[in-house]
Amino acid sequence: MGFTGIAANAQDLASLHAGMITGVINTVGMMSAIIAPMAVGMLTYEKSTREEWQKVFFISAGLYTIGAIVFLIFGSGERQCWAD
């Protein structure tokens, strides 16, 4: 569901550069797949308790919330002037 919105937004912003925009978006997004397991390992290294996993959950929820707020404030589907 979320991927279709990202793909459509890249087409809306600049159809000539949609491939480049999608590549940058996917690169940044996939970096979380590398960083997240390391962060979870650091947060739950001592022992795997409920409190440690709650920290992981709250950090994840906070990052998703910040990302959503930034998109709501600055996100746009209007064609950009540099896309012509």
N, C-alpha and C. Protein backbone atom coordinates (compact mmCIF):
# COMPACT_ATOMS: atom_id res chain seq x y z
N MET A 1 0.82 -1.18 0.00
CA MET A 1 0.00 0.00 0.00
C MET A 1 0.87 1.25 0.00
N GLY A 2 1.89 1.29 0.85
CA GLY A 2 2.75 2.46 0.92
C GLY A 2 3.63 2.61 -0.30
N PHE A 3 4.07 1.49 -0.88
CA PHE A 3 4.96 1.57 -2.04
C PHE A 3 4.27 2.20 -3.24
N THR A 4 3.00 1.92 -3.44
CA THR A 4 2.30 2.51 -4.58
C THR A 4 2.21 4.02 -4.44
N GLY A 5 2.07 4.52 -3.24
CA GLY A 5 2.05 5.96 -3.02
C GLY A 5 3.40 6.58 -3.32
N ILE A 6 4.47 5.91 -2.93
CA ILE A 6 5.81 6.41 -3.20
C ILE A 6 6.08 6.43 -4.70
N ALA A 7 5.73 5.35 -5.37
CA ALA A 7 5.96 5.26 -6.82
C ALA A 7 5.14 6.31 -7.56
N ALA A 8 3.92 6.52 -7.17
CA ALA A 8 3.08 7.52 -7.83
C ALA A 8 3.60 8.92 -7.56
N ASN A 9 4.10 9.17 -6.37
CA ASN A 9 4.60 10.50 -6.04
C ASN A 9 5.84 10.82 -6.88
N ALA A 10 6.71 9.87 -7.11
CA ALA A 10 7.88 10.12 -7.95
C ALA A 10 7.46 10.45 -9.37
N GLN A 11 6.43 9.80 -9.88
CA GLN A 11 5.92 10.11 -11.21
C GLN A 11 5.30 11.50 -11.26
N ASP A 12 4.60 11.87 -10.22
CA ASP A 12 3.96 13.19 -10.17
C ASP A 12 4.98 14.32 -10.09
N LEU A 13 6.03 14.11 -9.29
CA LEU A 13 7.02 15.17 -9.09
C LEU A 13 7.79 15.48 -10.36
N ALA A 14 8.27 14.44 -11.02
CA ALA A 14 9.09 14.64 -12.22
C ALA A 14 9.11 13.35 -13.02
N SER A 15 8.25 13.25 -13.99
CA SER A 15 8.15 12.00 -14.73
C SER A 15 9.43 11.67 -15.49
N LEU A 16 10.18 12.67 -15.94
CA LEU A 16 11.43 12.40 -16.66
C LEU A 16 12.52 11.86 -15.73
N HIS A 17 12.45 12.20 -14.47
CA HIS A 17 13.47 11.80 -13.51
C HIS A 17 12.94 10.81 -12.48
N ALA A 18 11.83 10.16 -12.75
CA ALA A 18 11.20 9.26 -11.78
C ALA A 18 12.11 8.09 -11.41
N GLY A 19 12.87 7.59 -12.36
CA GLY A 19 13.78 6.49 -12.07
C GLY A 19 14.86 6.89 -11.07
N MET A 20 15.43 8.05 -11.26
CA MET A 20 16.47 8.55 -10.35
C MET A 20 15.88 8.81 -8.97
N ILE A 21 14.71 9.43 -8.92
CA ILE A 21 14.07 9.72 -7.64
C ILE A 21 13.75 8.42 -6.91
N THR A 22 13.22 7.43 -7.63
CA THR A 22 12.89 6.15 -7.02
C THR A 22 14.15 5.46 -6.50
N GLY A 23 15.24 5.56 -7.24
CA GLY A 23 16.50 4.96 -6.79
C GLY A 23 17.00 5.58 -5.50
N VAL A 24 16.93 6.90 -5.40
CA VAL A 24 17.37 7.58 -4.18
C VAL A 24 16.45 7.21 -3.01
N ILE A 25 15.15 7.19 -3.26
CA ILE A 25 14.19 6.83 -2.20
C ILE A 25 14.45 5.41 -1.70
N ASN A 26 14.66 4.48 -2.63
CA ASN A 26 14.90 3.09 -2.23
C ASN A 26 16.24 2.92 -1.52
N THR A 27 17.26 3.66 -1.93
CA THR A 27 18.56 3.58 -1.26
C THR A 27 18.46 4.04 0.18
N VAL A 28 17.84 5.19 0.38
CA VAL A 28 17.68 5.70 1.74
C VAL A 28 16.80 4.76 2.56
N GLY A 29 15.73 4.26 1.95
CA GLY A 29 14.83 3.37 2.68
C GLY A 29 15.48 2.04 3.05
N MET A 30 16.32 1.51 2.19
CA MET A 30 16.96 0.23 2.46
C MET A 30 18.10 0.33 3.47
N MET A 31 18.60 1.55 3.68
CA MET A 31 19.62 1.71 4.70
C MET A 31 19.06 1.35 6.08
N SER A 32 17.77 1.54 6.26
CA SER A 32 17.16 1.15 7.54
C SER A 32 17.20 -0.35 7.73
N ALA A 33 17.18 -1.12 6.64
CA ALA A 33 17.26 -2.58 6.74
C ALA A 33 18.64 -3.02 7.22
N ILE A 34 19.63 -2.18 7.05
CA ILE A 34 20.98 -2.48 7.55
C ILE A 34 21.14 -1.97 8.97
N ILE A 35 20.63 -0.79 9.24
CA ILE A 35 20.84 -0.16 10.54
C ILE A 35 19.93 -0.74 11.63
N ALA A 36 18.70 -1.08 11.29
CA ALA A 36 17.74 -1.53 12.30
C ALA A 36 18.19 -2.77 13.06
N PRO A 37 18.66 -3.84 12.41
CA PRO A 37 19.10 -5.01 13.20
C PRO A 37 20.28 -4.70 14.12
N MET A 38 21.18 -3.82 13.68
CA MET A 38 22.30 -3.44 14.55
C MET A 38 21.80 -2.66 15.76
N ALA A 39 20.86 -1.76 15.54
CA ALA A 39 20.31 -0.97 16.65
C ALA A 39 19.56 -1.85 17.63
N VAL A 40 18.78 -2.78 17.11
CA VAL A 40 18.05 -3.71 18.00
C VAL A 40 19.02 -4.56 18.77
N GLY A 41 20.09 -5.00 18.12
CA GLY A 41 21.10 -5.79 18.82
C GLY A 41 21.76 -5.02 19.94
N MET A 42 22.01 -3.72 19.72
CA MET A 42 22.61 -2.90 20.77
C MET A 42 21.63 -2.66 21.92
N LEU A 43 20.36 -2.49 21.59
CA LEU A 43 19.36 -2.20 22.63
C LEU A 43 18.98 -3.43 23.43
N THR A 44 19.11 -4.61 22.86
CA THR A 44 18.71 -5.85 23.55
C THR A 44 19.90 -6.76 23.80
N TYR A 45 21.12 -6.22 23.87
CA TYR A 45 22.33 -7.03 23.99
C TYR A 45 22.43 -7.73 25.33
N GLU A 46 22.20 -7.01 26.40
CA GLU A 46 22.37 -7.58 27.75
C GLU A 46 21.42 -8.75 27.99
N LYS A 47 20.15 -8.50 27.83
CA LYS A 47 19.13 -9.53 28.00
C LYS A 47 17.90 -9.09 27.23
N SER A 48 17.15 -10.01 26.78
CA SER A 48 15.99 -9.71 25.96
C SER A 48 14.74 -9.63 26.85
N THR A 49 14.57 -8.47 27.49
CA THR A 49 13.43 -8.29 28.39
C THR A 49 12.35 -7.47 27.70
N ARG A 50 11.21 -7.44 28.34
CA ARG A 50 10.09 -6.67 27.80
C ARG A 50 10.42 -5.18 27.75
N GLU A 51 11.11 -4.68 28.75
CA GLU A 51 11.45 -3.25 28.80
C GLU A 51 12.36 -2.87 27.63
N GLU A 52 13.32 -3.73 27.31
CA GLU A 52 14.22 -3.44 26.20
C GLU A 52 13.47 -3.45 24.87
N TRP A 53 12.55 -4.40 24.71
CA TRP A 53 11.79 -4.46 23.47
C TRP A 53 10.78 -3.32 23.37
N GLN A 54 10.32 -2.80 24.51
CA GLN A 54 9.47 -1.63 24.49
C GLN A 54 10.24 -0.41 23.99
N LYS A 55 11.51 -0.31 24.36
CA LYS A 55 12.34 0.78 23.86
C LYS A 55 12.44 0.70 22.33
N VAL A 56 12.66 -0.51 21.82
CA VAL A 56 12.75 -0.71 20.37
C VAL A 56 11.44 -0.28 19.71
N PHE A 57 10.33 -0.70 20.28
CA PHE A 57 9.02 -0.34 19.71
C PHE A 57 8.80 1.16 19.72
N PHE A 58 9.09 1.82 20.82
CA PHE A 58 8.85 3.26 20.92
C PHE A 58 9.77 4.06 20.00
N ILE A 59 11.00 3.61 19.85
CA ILE A 59 11.90 4.28 18.91
C ILE A 59 11.37 4.13 17.49
N SER A 60 10.93 2.92 17.13
CA SER A 60 10.37 2.69 15.79
C SER A 60 9.11 3.52 15.57
N ALA A 61 8.23 3.53 16.55
CA ALA A 61 6.99 4.31 16.42
C ALA A 61 7.30 5.80 16.30
N GLY A 62 8.28 6.27 17.05
CA GLY A 62 8.67 7.68 16.97
C GLY A 62 9.24 8.05 15.62
N LEU A 63 10.09 7.18 15.05
CA LEU A 63 10.66 7.45 13.73
C LEU A 63 9.58 7.47 12.65
N TYR A 64 8.66 6.53 12.70
CA TYR A 64 7.55 6.53 11.74
C TYR A 64 6.69 7.78 11.88
N THR A 65 6.43 8.19 13.10
CA THR A 65 5.61 9.38 13.33
C THR A 65 6.31 10.64 12.82
N ILE A 66 7.61 10.76 13.09
CA ILE A 66 8.37 11.91 12.59
C ILE A 66 8.36 11.93 11.07
N GLY A 67 8.56 10.78 10.44
CA GLY A 67 8.54 10.71 8.99
C GLY A 67 7.19 11.11 8.41
N ALA A 68 6.12 10.67 9.05
CA ALA A 68 4.78 11.03 8.58
C ALA A 68 4.51 12.51 8.73
N ILE A 69 4.94 13.08 9.83
CA ILE A 69 4.73 14.52 10.06
C ILE A 69 5.52 15.35 9.05
N VAL A 70 6.77 14.96 8.81
CA VAL A 70 7.59 15.68 7.83
C VAL A 70 6.93 15.62 6.45
N PHE A 71 6.42 14.44 6.07
CA PHE A 71 5.76 14.33 4.77
C PHE A 71 4.49 15.16 4.72
N LEU A 72 3.72 15.16 5.79
CA LEU A 72 2.50 15.94 5.80
C LEU A 72 2.77 17.44 5.68
N ILE A 73 3.87 17.89 6.27
CA ILE A 73 4.20 19.31 6.22
C ILE A 73 4.83 19.70 4.89
N PHE A 74 5.81 18.92 4.43
CA PHE A 74 6.60 19.30 3.27
C PHE A 74 6.27 18.52 2.01
N GLY A 75 5.52 17.44 2.09
CA GLY A 75 5.23 16.61 0.94
C GLY A 75 4.29 17.29 -0.05
N SER A 76 4.50 16.98 -1.32
CA SER A 76 3.68 17.59 -2.35
C SER A 76 3.61 16.65 -3.55
N GLY A 77 2.54 16.73 -4.27
CA GLY A 77 2.40 15.96 -5.49
C GLY A 77 2.41 16.84 -6.72
N GLU A 78 2.77 18.10 -6.54
CA GLU A 78 2.77 19.04 -7.66
C GLU A 78 4.04 18.88 -8.49
N ARG A 79 3.90 19.02 -9.78
CA ARG A 79 5.05 18.93 -10.69
C ARG A 79 6.05 20.01 -10.32
N GLN A 80 7.31 19.64 -10.26
CA GLN A 80 8.36 20.56 -9.87
C GLN A 80 8.88 21.36 -11.08
N CYS A 81 9.32 22.58 -10.82
CA CYS A 81 9.79 23.43 -11.90
C CYS A 81 11.06 22.88 -12.55
N TRP A 82 11.89 22.16 -11.81
CA TRP A 82 13.13 21.63 -12.35
C TRP A 82 12.92 20.37 -13.16
N ALA A 83 11.68 19.87 -13.21
CA ALA A 83 11.39 18.62 -13.91
C ALA A 83 11.16 18.80 -15.40
N ASP A 84 11.10 20.01 -15.88
CA ASP A 84 10.83 20.25 -17.30
C ASP A 84 12.04 20.10 -18.17
